[in-house]
Amino acid sequence: MLRRFVVTVLAGLASSLFAAPALAQVNQDEPLPRFEDRLCPGVTGLELEQAELMVGRIRSNATRFGLQLADEASCEPNLLIGFVESGQDYLAQLVADRGHLFARMNRADRDTLLAQRGPVTVWHQIQQRTRDGLHVGTRENMTDLPRAGMWQAHSRIYVPVRNDITYALVLFDRAEVSGLTVAQLADLASLRGFATAFPDEAGAEQASLLTLFADPASRAPRLTAFDEAWLERLYSGIPNMPASVRLRGVQSR
């Protein structure tokens, strides 16, 4: 099953434009990435019954926060959750073996991606599109710049492009998930998969499932109120809203 998983991942990543390091410092003037394509979660490395429960909960979370779902019977996963020996080693090997998939990343972003530490490793593929969903090309030389035709209303609140998550990979180190429930793992995979950045309060002033592995004595059983408020904020309204607006004053319910 793992071999099939690797092939599926590579097939999906090859068509993406560039990768976003997890929890990177975001440009406040650009929209935060989010899924606009229909979501198709998949799980590998678990027993079938557990994997099905996990997929079901992720799909339920997606519905709660306004993500559209692909047909479960026929879709190809664009959010993959894997349970592996070492997420960091897996990702490093992917970079070594398939470096062309990372060609559009600058060196600093690639280093940040590979510097992730801990039992969860995340990689998002992001594609920039116009506010209406048209592909924005990349610069091939200094003369021919990418163009995308559209009607643009002038606004200080909205920008002409959006950043779409087209593929997300969430890897759990198998040895570190002992004692956790399927619900906890599915909710954390949802949180890390649906979003690429989080308010500074998450896990600090506000309780968050982001700290699931940090303090075993106080593990949240599910998404916290703050986590839910953040995902609701991220997926509410139009996708081309600047990060500075999205990140402003998120409060738990």
Protein backbone atom coordinates (compact mmCIF):
# COMPACT_ATOMS: atom_id res chain seq x y z
CA MET A 1 0.00 0.00 0.00
CA LEU A 2 2.86 2.39 0.79
CA ARG A 3 4.29 1.95 -2.71
CA ARG A 4 0.93 2.83 -4.22
CA PHE A 5 0.74 5.84 -1.91
CA VAL A 6 4.11 7.13 -3.10
CA VAL A 7 3.07 6.87 -6.74
CA THR A 8 -0.17 8.72 -6.02
CA VAL A 9 1.66 11.50 -4.22
CA LEU A 10 4.16 12.01 -6.99
CA ALA A 11 1.49 12.05 -9.65
CA GLY A 12 -0.37 14.77 -7.83
CA LEU A 13 2.61 16.90 -6.96
CA ALA A 14 4.01 16.92 -10.46
CA SER A 15 1.21 19.13 -11.75
CA SER A 16 1.49 21.74 -9.00
CA LEU A 17 3.27 25.05 -9.23
CA PHE A 18 5.07 25.64 -5.98
CA ALA A 19 5.14 24.46 -2.38
CA ALA A 20 4.40 26.39 0.79
CA PRO A 21 6.45 25.56 3.90
CA ALA A 22 4.33 24.73 6.90
CA LEU A 23 3.67 27.61 9.30
CA ALA A 24 5.83 29.96 7.24
CA GLN A 25 5.77 33.70 7.84
CA VAL A 26 3.11 34.90 5.47
CA ASN A 27 2.98 38.00 3.30
CA GLN A 28 0.25 40.04 4.94
CA ASP A 29 -0.75 41.59 1.62
CA GLU A 30 -1.43 38.24 -0.08
CA PRO A 31 -4.39 35.92 0.41
CA LEU A 32 -3.86 32.94 2.67
CA PRO A 33 -3.97 29.63 0.79
CA ARG A 34 -7.08 27.49 1.09
CA PHE A 35 -8.78 24.68 -0.81
CA GLU A 36 -11.06 25.85 -3.60
CA ASP A 37 -11.05 22.60 -5.59
CA ARG A 38 -13.30 19.86 -4.29
CA LEU A 39 -11.61 18.01 -1.43
CA CYS A 40 -10.75 14.32 -1.65
CA PRO A 41 -9.00 13.05 1.51
CA GLY A 42 -7.10 9.77 1.53
CA VAL A 43 -5.26 7.83 4.25
CA THR A 44 -2.48 5.26 4.10
CA GLY A 45 -0.59 3.35 6.76
CA LEU A 46 -3.65 2.50 8.89
CA GLU A 47 -5.90 -0.53 9.02
CA LEU A 48 -8.80 -0.18 6.59
CA GLU A 49 -11.45 0.37 9.26
CA GLN A 50 -9.46 3.11 10.97
CA ALA A 51 -8.60 4.73 7.65
CA GLU A 52 -12.26 4.83 6.64
CA LEU A 53 -13.22 6.40 9.98
CA MET A 54 -10.50 8.99 9.56
CA VAL A 55 -11.55 9.87 6.02
CA GLY A 56 -15.15 10.15 7.16
CA ARG A 57 -14.28 12.57 9.94
CA ILE A 58 -12.11 14.72 7.67
CA ARG A 59 -14.93 14.90 5.15
CA SER A 60 -17.31 15.86 7.95
CA ASN A 61 -14.91 18.61 9.06
CA ALA A 62 -14.68 19.86 5.49
CA THR A 63 -18.45 20.17 5.29
CA ARG A 64 -18.58 22.04 8.60
CA PHE A 65 -16.13 24.67 7.41
CA GLY A 66 -17.53 25.14 3.94
CA LEU A 67 -15.13 23.13 1.76
CA GLN A 68 -16.67 21.39 -1.22
CA LEU A 69 -16.28 17.62 -1.41
CA ALA A 70 -15.44 15.42 -4.38
CA ASP A 71 -17.27 12.16 -5.01
CA GLU A 72 -15.77 9.69 -2.56
CA ALA A 73 -16.15 6.72 -4.88
CA SER A 74 -14.25 8.15 -7.84
CA CYS A 75 -12.00 11.03 -6.72
CA GLU A 76 -8.21 11.10 -6.60
CA PRO A 77 -6.88 12.25 -3.19
CA ASN A 78 -5.68 15.84 -2.97
CA LEU A 79 -5.29 15.68 0.82
CA LEU A 80 -3.19 12.65 1.74
CA ILE A 81 -2.52 11.58 5.31
CA GLY A 82 0.26 9.04 5.74
CA PHE A 83 1.54 7.12 8.76
CA VAL A 84 5.23 6.46 8.11
CA GLU A 85 8.42 5.70 10.01
CA SER A 86 9.69 9.28 9.72
CA GLY A 87 7.93 12.10 7.95
CA GLN A 88 11.12 14.15 7.78
CA ASP A 89 13.08 11.30 6.22
CA TYR A 90 10.29 10.59 3.76
CA LEU A 91 10.14 14.21 2.62
CA ALA A 92 13.93 14.53 2.41
CA GLN A 93 14.06 11.40 0.25
CA LEU A 94 11.32 12.81 -1.96
CA VAL A 95 13.37 15.97 -2.47
CA ALA A 96 16.47 13.92 -3.26
CA ASP A 97 14.72 11.56 -5.67
CA ARG A 98 12.28 13.99 -7.30
CA GLY A 99 13.98 17.34 -7.08
CA HIS A 100 12.13 18.66 -10.12
CA LEU A 101 8.96 18.76 -8.02
CA PHE A 102 10.60 21.45 -5.89
CA ALA A 103 12.19 23.41 -8.74
CA ARG A 104 9.90 26.42 -8.29
CA MET A 105 10.78 26.80 -4.61
CA ASN A 106 13.58 29.13 -3.64
CA ARG A 107 16.38 27.75 -1.49
CA ALA A 108 15.15 29.43 1.70
CA ASP A 109 11.66 27.96 1.36
CA ARG A 110 13.05 24.52 0.63
CA ASP A 111 15.31 24.70 3.67
CA THR A 112 12.34 25.74 5.81
CA LEU A 113 10.32 22.84 4.46
CA LEU A 114 13.04 20.32 5.27
CA ALA A 115 13.76 21.86 8.68
CA GLN A 116 10.41 20.76 10.10
CA ARG A 117 10.85 18.81 13.32
CA GLY A 118 8.40 16.81 15.33
CA PRO A 119 5.97 13.96 14.77
CA VAL A 120 3.95 15.76 12.07
CA THR A 121 5.40 16.82 8.71
CA VAL A 122 3.31 18.88 6.30
CA TRP A 123 3.74 19.90 2.68
CA HIS A 124 1.26 22.04 0.79
CA GLN A 125 1.24 22.62 -2.93
CA ILE A 126 -0.10 26.07 -3.79
CA GLN A 127 -1.23 27.41 -7.16
CA GLN A 128 -1.83 31.10 -7.75
CA ARG A 129 -5.02 31.84 -9.66
CA THR A 130 -7.04 34.91 -10.49
CA ARG A 131 -9.95 35.73 -8.23
CA ASP A 132 -12.17 33.92 -10.76
CA GLY A 133 -10.02 30.77 -10.73
CA LEU A 134 -8.00 31.26 -13.91
CA HIS A 135 -4.43 29.99 -13.96
CA VAL A 136 -1.72 32.60 -13.41
CA GLY A 137 1.37 31.69 -15.43
CA THR A 138 4.94 31.83 -14.24
CA ARG A 139 7.73 33.95 -15.65
CA GLU A 140 9.89 32.02 -18.10
CA ASN A 141 12.20 34.93 -18.99
CA MET A 142 12.65 38.65 -18.33
CA THR A 143 10.61 39.67 -21.38
CA ASP A 144 7.46 37.54 -21.51
CA LEU A 145 5.59 38.10 -18.28
CA PRO A 146 2.61 35.95 -17.29
CA ARG A 147 -0.80 37.42 -18.04
CA ALA A 148 -4.31 36.53 -16.96
CA GLY A 149 -7.26 38.44 -18.37
CA MET A 150 -10.05 39.49 -16.00
CA TRP A 151 -12.28 42.37 -14.97
CA GLN A 152 -10.98 43.97 -11.80
CA ALA A 153 -12.92 46.20 -9.45
CA HIS A 154 -10.69 48.56 -7.51
CA SER A 155 -10.63 47.74 -3.82
CA ARG A 156 -8.35 48.24 -0.85
CA ILE A 157 -9.68 45.10 0.82
CA TYR A 158 -9.42 42.53 -1.95
CA VAL A 159 -6.56 41.63 -4.28
CA PRO A 160 -6.76 40.34 -7.89
CA VAL A 161 -5.34 36.88 -7.18
CA ARG A 162 -5.93 34.02 -4.79
CA ASN A 163 -3.67 31.20 -3.57
CA ASP A 164 -5.29 27.78 -3.92
CA ILE A 165 -4.13 24.66 -2.11
CA THR A 166 -4.11 22.06 -4.84
CA TYR A 167 -2.44 19.27 -2.86
CA ALA A 168 -1.61 18.67 0.79
CA LEU A 169 0.49 15.94 2.37
CA VAL A 170 0.30 15.36 6.13
CA LEU A 171 2.70 12.74 7.50
CA PHE A 172 2.55 11.31 11.02
CA ASP A 173 5.49 9.47 12.55
CA ARG A 174 3.92 6.11 13.30
CA ALA A 175 5.71 5.57 16.62
CA GLU A 176 4.42 8.87 18.03
CA VAL A 177 0.67 8.37 17.59
CA SER A 178 0.25 5.65 20.21
CA GLY A 179 -2.57 6.51 22.60
CA LEU A 180 -4.23 9.00 20.28
CA THR A 181 -7.74 8.51 18.93
CA VAL A 182 -8.77 8.49 15.30
CA ALA A 183 -10.78 11.64 16.02
CA GLN A 184 -7.73 13.49 17.35
CA LEU A 185 -5.58 12.48 14.40
CA ALA A 186 -8.29 13.25 11.84
CA ASP A 187 -8.94 16.65 13.39
CA LEU A 188 -5.25 17.54 13.49
CA ALA A 189 -4.85 16.37 9.89
CA SER A 190 -7.81 18.58 8.97
CA LEU A 191 -6.34 21.57 10.77
CA ARG A 192 -2.87 21.18 9.26
CA GLY A 193 -4.19 20.17 5.85
CA PHE A 194 -6.89 22.82 5.42
CA ALA A 195 -4.65 25.72 6.52
CA THR A 196 -1.02 26.69 5.93
CA ALA A 197 -0.71 29.38 8.61
CA PHE A 198 -2.24 30.13 11.98
CA PRO A 199 -2.73 33.15 14.25
CA ASP A 200 0.01 33.73 16.81
CA GLU A 201 -2.45 32.98 19.61
CA ALA A 202 -2.90 29.36 18.53
CA GLY A 203 -1.39 27.09 21.17
CA ALA A 204 -0.25 30.06 23.25
CA GLU A 205 -3.00 32.31 24.60
CA GLN A 206 -5.61 30.07 22.97
CA ALA A 207 -5.90 26.29 23.30
CA SER A 208 -5.29 24.52 20.00
CA LEU A 209 -4.94 20.99 18.71
CA LEU A 210 -1.66 22.19 17.19
CA THR A 211 -0.09 21.33 20.57
CA LEU A 212 -1.41 17.75 20.53
CA PHE A 213 2.07 16.24 20.77
CA ALA A 214 3.58 18.91 23.01
CA ASP A 215 1.83 18.12 26.30
CA PRO A 216 0.38 14.61 26.63
CA ALA A 217 -1.23 15.52 29.96
CA SER A 218 -3.53 18.12 28.43
CA ARG A 219 -4.35 16.81 24.97
CA ALA A 220 -7.54 18.19 23.47
CA PRO A 221 -9.92 15.42 22.37
CA ARG A 222 -10.89 17.25 19.18
CA LEU A 223 -10.56 20.60 17.41
CA THR A 224 -10.70 23.35 20.00
CA ALA A 225 -13.07 26.31 19.85
CA PHE A 226 -10.18 28.46 18.67
CA ASP A 227 -9.26 25.97 15.92
CA GLU A 228 -12.85 25.94 14.73
CA ALA A 229 -13.04 29.73 14.78
CA TRP A 230 -9.88 29.97 12.70
CA LEU A 231 -11.01 27.49 10.06
CA GLU A 232 -14.38 29.21 9.87
CA ARG A 233 -12.60 32.53 9.35
CA LEU A 234 -10.25 31.12 6.73
CA TYR A 235 -13.03 29.58 4.67
CA SER A 236 -15.59 32.34 5.01
CA GLY A 237 -16.02 35.01 2.36
CA ILE A 238 -14.07 35.36 -0.85
CA PRO A 239 -10.70 33.64 -1.37
CA ASN A 240 -8.77 36.77 -2.46
CA MET A 241 -8.83 38.53 0.90
CA PRO A 242 -5.40 39.64 2.21
CA ALA A 243 -3.89 37.71 5.10
CA SER A 244 -3.88 40.83 7.26
CA VAL A 245 -7.69 40.82 7.17
CA ARG A 246 -8.04 37.07 7.77
CA LEU A 247 -5.67 37.07 10.73
CA ARG A 248 -7.29 39.98 12.50
CA GLY A 249 -8.87 39.24 15.87
CA VAL A 250 -9.81 35.57 15.63
CA GLN A 251 -11.67 34.65 18.80
CA SER A 252 -12.85 31.26 20.01
CA ARG A 253 -16.57 30.74 20.16
